[in-house]
Amino acid sequence: MIKKIRNITFPVSDLKKAVDFYENILGLKKTGEWGNYAIFDVGGVELALEPKGRFMVFLLADDVDETYKTFKEKGVEFVTEPKDQYWGGRTAEFADLDGNNFILVSFKK
């Protein structure tokens, strides 16, 4: 089912200032940066920064569709159904009992 936390995305007000802080002050290794997104490796977990984004925790699953089906049968409330993303992942978003949202993600092999 769920293997590990794959990615945690934080919303930031200024991407350039945030990248400078995480890279040059905290000393994290930047592994990618685009106009609206930056990623750092923190011990095998991606810490991402996104302007005007929202806090998101991506949970790596073997198969999003199977995990979605299993969790749905157990009463988990999903915000979205499984769908392919432009960046190559397949995702489905759900909420825990306190309304915290998580995103299941898997990648084609």
N, C-alpha and C. Protein backbone atom coordinates (compact mmCIF):
# COMPACT_ATOMS: atom_id res chain seq x y z
N MET A 1 0.83 -1.19 0.00
CA MET A 1 0.00 0.00 0.00
C MET A 1 0.88 1.26 0.00
N ILE A 2 0.97 1.93 1.15
CA ILE A 2 1.78 3.15 1.23
C ILE A 2 3.20 2.76 1.60
N LYS A 3 4.16 3.26 0.82
CA LYS A 3 5.57 2.92 1.04
C LYS A 3 6.31 3.94 1.89
N LYS A 4 6.08 5.23 1.61
CA LYS A 4 6.79 6.28 2.34
C LYS A 4 6.23 7.64 1.96
N ILE A 5 6.64 8.65 2.71
CA ILE A 5 6.34 10.02 2.30
C ILE A 5 7.25 10.32 1.12
N ARG A 6 6.67 10.69 0.02
CA ARG A 6 7.43 10.97 -1.20
C ARG A 6 7.83 12.44 -1.26
N ASN A 7 6.88 13.31 -0.91
CA ASN A 7 7.07 14.73 -1.13
C ASN A 7 6.19 15.51 -0.16
N ILE A 8 6.73 16.59 0.37
CA ILE A 8 5.95 17.53 1.16
C ILE A 8 6.11 18.89 0.48
N THR A 9 4.99 19.50 0.13
CA THR A 9 5.01 20.79 -0.55
C THR A 9 4.55 21.88 0.40
N PHE A 10 5.34 22.94 0.48
CA PHE A 10 5.01 24.10 1.30
C PHE A 10 4.68 25.29 0.41
N PRO A 11 3.64 26.05 0.75
CA PRO A 11 3.37 27.28 0.03
C PRO A 11 4.37 28.35 0.48
N VAL A 12 4.84 29.15 -0.46
CA VAL A 12 5.76 30.24 -0.13
C VAL A 12 5.28 31.52 -0.79
N SER A 13 5.63 32.64 -0.20
CA SER A 13 5.20 33.93 -0.76
C SER A 13 6.16 34.42 -1.84
N ASP A 14 7.43 34.04 -1.75
CA ASP A 14 8.43 34.48 -2.72
C ASP A 14 9.38 33.30 -2.98
N LEU A 15 9.27 32.69 -4.14
CA LEU A 15 10.05 31.48 -4.44
C LEU A 15 11.55 31.74 -4.41
N LYS A 16 12.01 32.82 -5.00
CA LYS A 16 13.46 33.09 -5.04
C LYS A 16 14.04 33.26 -3.63
N LYS A 17 13.34 34.00 -2.78
CA LYS A 17 13.82 34.17 -1.40
C LYS A 17 13.77 32.85 -0.64
N ALA A 18 12.72 32.07 -0.86
CA ALA A 18 12.59 30.79 -0.17
C ALA A 18 13.68 29.82 -0.62
N VAL A 19 13.96 29.76 -1.93
CA VAL A 19 15.02 28.89 -2.44
C VAL A 19 16.35 29.30 -1.83
N ASP A 20 16.62 30.57 -1.78
CA ASP A 20 17.87 31.06 -1.18
C ASP A 20 17.97 30.61 0.28
N PHE A 21 16.89 30.74 1.03
CA PHE A 21 16.89 30.33 2.44
C PHE A 21 17.16 28.84 2.59
N TYR A 22 16.40 28.01 1.89
CA TYR A 22 16.55 26.56 2.03
C TYR A 22 17.90 26.06 1.52
N GLU A 23 18.39 26.68 0.44
CA GLU A 23 19.65 26.23 -0.15
C GLU A 23 20.87 26.81 0.57
N ASN A 24 20.89 28.10 0.78
CA ASN A 24 22.10 28.76 1.29
C ASN A 24 22.15 28.92 2.81
N ILE A 25 21.00 29.01 3.45
CA ILE A 25 20.99 29.14 4.91
C ILE A 25 20.90 27.76 5.56
N LEU A 26 19.92 26.95 5.12
CA LEU A 26 19.76 25.61 5.70
C LEU A 26 20.71 24.59 5.11
N GLY A 27 21.25 24.87 3.92
CA GLY A 27 22.22 23.97 3.30
C GLY A 27 21.61 22.74 2.65
N LEU A 28 20.32 22.80 2.28
CA LEU A 28 19.68 21.66 1.63
C LEU A 28 20.09 21.59 0.16
N LYS A 29 20.13 20.38 -0.38
CA LYS A 29 20.52 20.17 -1.77
C LYS A 29 19.31 20.34 -2.68
N LYS A 30 19.37 21.35 -3.55
CA LYS A 30 18.29 21.58 -4.51
C LYS A 30 18.45 20.57 -5.64
N THR A 31 17.36 19.87 -5.95
CA THR A 31 17.42 18.86 -7.02
C THR A 31 16.64 19.28 -8.26
N GLY A 32 15.90 20.38 -8.17
CA GLY A 32 15.17 20.87 -9.33
C GLY A 32 14.54 22.21 -9.04
N GLU A 33 14.43 23.03 -10.09
CA GLU A 33 13.75 24.32 -9.95
C GLU A 33 13.16 24.72 -11.29
N TRP A 34 11.91 25.15 -11.23
CA TRP A 34 11.20 25.65 -12.40
C TRP A 34 10.67 27.03 -12.03
N GLY A 35 10.00 27.70 -12.91
CA GLY A 35 9.50 29.04 -12.63
C GLY A 35 8.54 29.11 -11.45
N ASN A 36 7.85 28.01 -11.17
CA ASN A 36 6.85 28.04 -10.10
C ASN A 36 7.00 26.90 -9.09
N TYR A 37 8.18 26.29 -9.01
CA TYR A 37 8.33 25.12 -8.13
C TYR A 37 9.81 24.85 -7.93
N ALA A 38 10.19 24.47 -6.74
CA ALA A 38 11.58 24.07 -6.45
C ALA A 38 11.54 22.86 -5.54
N ILE A 39 12.51 21.97 -5.70
CA ILE A 39 12.55 20.73 -4.92
C ILE A 39 13.94 20.57 -4.29
N PHE A 40 13.92 20.14 -3.03
CA PHE A 40 15.14 19.84 -2.28
C PHE A 40 15.07 18.41 -1.77
N ASP A 41 16.23 17.75 -1.69
CA ASP A 41 16.29 16.40 -1.13
C ASP A 41 16.61 16.51 0.35
N VAL A 42 15.75 15.91 1.17
CA VAL A 42 15.99 15.89 2.62
C VAL A 42 15.95 14.43 3.04
N GLY A 43 17.08 13.77 2.96
CA GLY A 43 17.19 12.38 3.37
C GLY A 43 16.29 11.43 2.59
N GLY A 44 16.13 11.70 1.30
CA GLY A 44 15.32 10.83 0.45
C GLY A 44 13.86 11.25 0.34
N VAL A 45 13.47 12.29 1.06
CA VAL A 45 12.12 12.85 0.93
C VAL A 45 12.26 14.19 0.23
N GLU A 46 11.40 14.44 -0.75
CA GLU A 46 11.44 15.72 -1.46
C GLU A 46 10.69 16.78 -0.66
N LEU A 47 11.35 17.89 -0.42
CA LEU A 47 10.70 19.05 0.16
C LEU A 47 10.53 20.04 -0.98
N ALA A 48 9.30 20.39 -1.29
CA ALA A 48 9.03 21.26 -2.43
C ALA A 48 8.46 22.59 -1.96
N LEU A 49 8.72 23.62 -2.76
CA LEU A 49 8.23 24.97 -2.49
C LEU A 49 7.41 25.42 -3.69
N GLU A 50 6.24 25.98 -3.41
CA GLU A 50 5.37 26.42 -4.51
C GLU A 50 4.68 27.74 -4.13
N PRO A 51 4.93 28.80 -4.92
CA PRO A 51 4.24 30.06 -4.64
C PRO A 51 2.74 29.89 -4.82
N LYS A 52 2.01 30.50 -3.91
CA LYS A 52 0.55 30.47 -3.96
C LYS A 52 0.00 29.04 -3.98
N GLY A 53 0.79 28.10 -3.50
CA GLY A 53 0.35 26.71 -3.44
C GLY A 53 -0.36 26.45 -2.14
N ARG A 54 -0.39 25.20 -1.75
CA ARG A 54 -0.97 24.81 -0.47
C ARG A 54 -0.13 23.70 0.12
N PHE A 55 -0.23 23.52 1.42
CA PHE A 55 0.53 22.48 2.09
C PHE A 55 -0.01 21.13 1.63
N MET A 56 0.88 20.26 1.14
CA MET A 56 0.48 18.95 0.64
C MET A 56 1.50 17.90 1.05
N VAL A 57 1.01 16.73 1.45
CA VAL A 57 1.87 15.59 1.75
C VAL A 57 1.53 14.50 0.74
N PHE A 58 2.52 14.10 -0.04
CA PHE A 58 2.34 13.04 -1.03
C PHE A 58 2.84 11.73 -0.44
N LEU A 59 1.99 10.72 -0.45
CA LEU A 59 2.33 9.40 0.06
C LEU A 59 2.54 8.46 -1.12
N LEU A 60 3.73 7.90 -1.23
CA LEU A 60 4.04 7.00 -2.34
C LEU A 60 3.35 5.67 -2.13
N ALA A 61 2.58 5.24 -3.13
CA ALA A 61 1.86 3.97 -3.09
C ALA A 61 2.33 3.10 -4.24
N ASP A 62 2.25 1.79 -4.05
CA ASP A 62 2.59 0.87 -5.14
C ASP A 62 1.69 1.12 -6.35
N ASP A 63 0.40 1.28 -6.09
CA ASP A 63 -0.60 1.43 -7.15
C ASP A 63 -1.72 2.31 -6.60
N VAL A 64 -1.85 3.52 -7.11
CA VAL A 64 -2.86 4.46 -6.62
C VAL A 64 -4.26 3.88 -6.76
N ASP A 65 -4.55 3.25 -7.88
CA ASP A 65 -5.90 2.74 -8.10
C ASP A 65 -6.28 1.64 -7.10
N GLU A 66 -5.36 0.74 -6.83
CA GLU A 66 -5.63 -0.33 -5.87
C GLU A 66 -5.75 0.22 -4.45
N THR A 67 -4.87 1.14 -4.10
CA THR A 67 -4.92 1.75 -2.78
C THR A 67 -6.20 2.55 -2.61
N TYR A 68 -6.58 3.30 -3.63
CA TYR A 68 -7.83 4.06 -3.63
C TYR A 68 -9.01 3.12 -3.37
N LYS A 69 -9.07 2.03 -4.10
CA LYS A 69 -10.17 1.07 -3.97
C LYS A 69 -10.22 0.49 -2.55
N THR A 70 -9.08 0.07 -2.03
CA THR A 70 -9.01 -0.52 -0.69
C THR A 70 -9.43 0.49 0.37
N PHE A 71 -8.89 1.71 0.28
CA PHE A 71 -9.21 2.74 1.27
C PHE A 71 -10.68 3.15 1.19
N LYS A 72 -11.19 3.27 -0.03
CA LYS A 72 -12.59 3.66 -0.23
C LYS A 72 -13.51 2.62 0.42
N GLU A 73 -13.18 1.33 0.24
CA GLU A 73 -13.98 0.26 0.84
C GLU A 73 -13.95 0.32 2.37
N LYS A 74 -12.88 0.91 2.92
CA LYS A 74 -12.75 1.04 4.38
C LYS A 74 -13.35 2.34 4.89
N GLY A 75 -13.96 3.13 4.00
CA GLY A 75 -14.64 4.36 4.41
C GLY A 75 -13.83 5.63 4.33
N VAL A 76 -12.66 5.59 3.72
CA VAL A 76 -11.86 6.80 3.57
C VAL A 76 -12.58 7.77 2.61
N GLU A 77 -12.64 9.04 3.01
CA GLU A 77 -13.27 10.08 2.19
C GLU A 77 -12.24 10.65 1.21
N PHE A 78 -12.51 10.50 -0.07
CA PHE A 78 -11.60 11.02 -1.09
C PHE A 78 -12.09 12.36 -1.63
N VAL A 79 -11.13 13.26 -1.87
CA VAL A 79 -11.39 14.57 -2.44
C VAL A 79 -11.38 14.47 -3.96
N THR A 80 -10.49 13.62 -4.48
CA THR A 80 -10.41 13.38 -5.93
C THR A 80 -10.29 11.89 -6.20
N GLU A 81 -10.74 11.49 -7.36
CA GLU A 81 -10.54 10.11 -7.81
C GLU A 81 -9.16 10.01 -8.44
N PRO A 82 -8.64 8.80 -8.65
CA PRO A 82 -7.33 8.66 -9.29
C PRO A 82 -7.32 9.32 -10.67
N LYS A 83 -6.22 10.04 -10.93
CA LYS A 83 -6.07 10.69 -12.23
C LYS A 83 -4.60 10.84 -12.57
N ASP A 84 -4.31 10.80 -13.87
CA ASP A 84 -2.95 11.00 -14.36
C ASP A 84 -2.61 12.47 -14.31
N GLN A 85 -1.36 12.77 -13.95
CA GLN A 85 -0.88 14.14 -13.88
C GLN A 85 0.10 14.41 -15.02
N TYR A 86 0.19 15.65 -15.44
CA TYR A 86 1.09 16.04 -16.55
C TYR A 86 2.55 15.76 -16.24
N TRP A 87 2.91 15.70 -14.95
CA TRP A 87 4.30 15.50 -14.57
C TRP A 87 4.66 14.02 -14.41
N GLY A 88 3.75 13.13 -14.79
CA GLY A 88 4.08 11.71 -14.84
C GLY A 88 3.55 10.85 -13.71
N GLY A 89 2.97 11.45 -12.71
CA GLY A 89 2.43 10.67 -11.61
C GLY A 89 0.95 10.39 -11.80
N ARG A 90 0.43 9.52 -10.97
CA ARG A 90 -1.01 9.25 -10.89
C ARG A 90 -1.37 9.50 -9.44
N THR A 91 -2.41 10.31 -9.20
CA THR A 91 -2.72 10.74 -7.85
C THR A 91 -4.19 10.58 -7.50
N ALA A 92 -4.46 10.55 -6.21
CA ALA A 92 -5.80 10.62 -5.64
C ALA A 92 -5.66 11.28 -4.27
N GLU A 93 -6.51 12.24 -3.98
CA GLU A 93 -6.41 12.98 -2.73
C GLU A 93 -7.51 12.54 -1.76
N PHE A 94 -7.12 12.36 -0.49
CA PHE A 94 -8.08 11.97 0.54
C PHE A 94 -7.86 12.79 1.80
N ALA A 95 -8.86 12.73 2.70
CA ALA A 95 -8.76 13.43 3.97
C ALA A 95 -8.80 12.42 5.12
N ASP A 96 -8.04 12.72 6.18
CA ASP A 96 -8.11 11.87 7.37
C ASP A 96 -9.30 12.32 8.23
N LEU A 97 -9.43 11.76 9.41
CA LEU A 97 -10.58 12.06 10.27
C LEU A 97 -10.64 13.51 10.74
N ASP A 98 -9.50 14.20 10.73
CA ASP A 98 -9.45 15.60 11.16
C ASP A 98 -9.43 16.58 9.99
N GLY A 99 -9.63 16.08 8.78
CA GLY A 99 -9.67 16.95 7.61
C GLY A 99 -8.32 17.28 7.01
N ASN A 100 -7.26 16.60 7.47
CA ASN A 100 -5.93 16.79 6.86
C ASN A 100 -5.90 16.05 5.53
N ASN A 101 -5.50 16.74 4.49
CA ASN A 101 -5.49 16.12 3.16
C ASN A 101 -4.13 15.52 2.83
N PHE A 102 -4.17 14.36 2.20
CA PHE A 102 -2.99 13.66 1.73
C PHE A 102 -3.22 13.29 0.27
N ILE A 103 -2.14 13.16 -0.46
CA ILE A 103 -2.23 12.78 -1.86
C ILE A 103 -1.48 11.48 -2.07
N LEU A 104 -2.21 10.45 -2.49
CA LEU A 104 -1.55 9.21 -2.89
C LEU A 104 -0.91 9.45 -4.25
N VAL A 105 0.28 8.93 -4.46
CA VAL A 105 0.95 9.08 -5.74
C VAL A 105 1.66 7.79 -6.10
N SER A 106 1.62 7.45 -7.37
CA SER A 106 2.42 6.35 -7.90
C SER A 106 2.92 6.77 -9.27
N PHE A 107 3.93 6.05 -9.73
CA PHE A 107 4.55 6.34 -11.02
C PHE A 107 4.57 5.09 -11.86
N LYS A 108 4.39 5.26 -13.16
CA LYS A 108 4.44 4.10 -14.05
C LYS A 108 5.85 3.57 -14.05
N LYS A 109 5.93 2.26 -14.09
CA LYS A 109 7.24 1.61 -14.05
C LYS A 109 7.85 1.54 -15.42
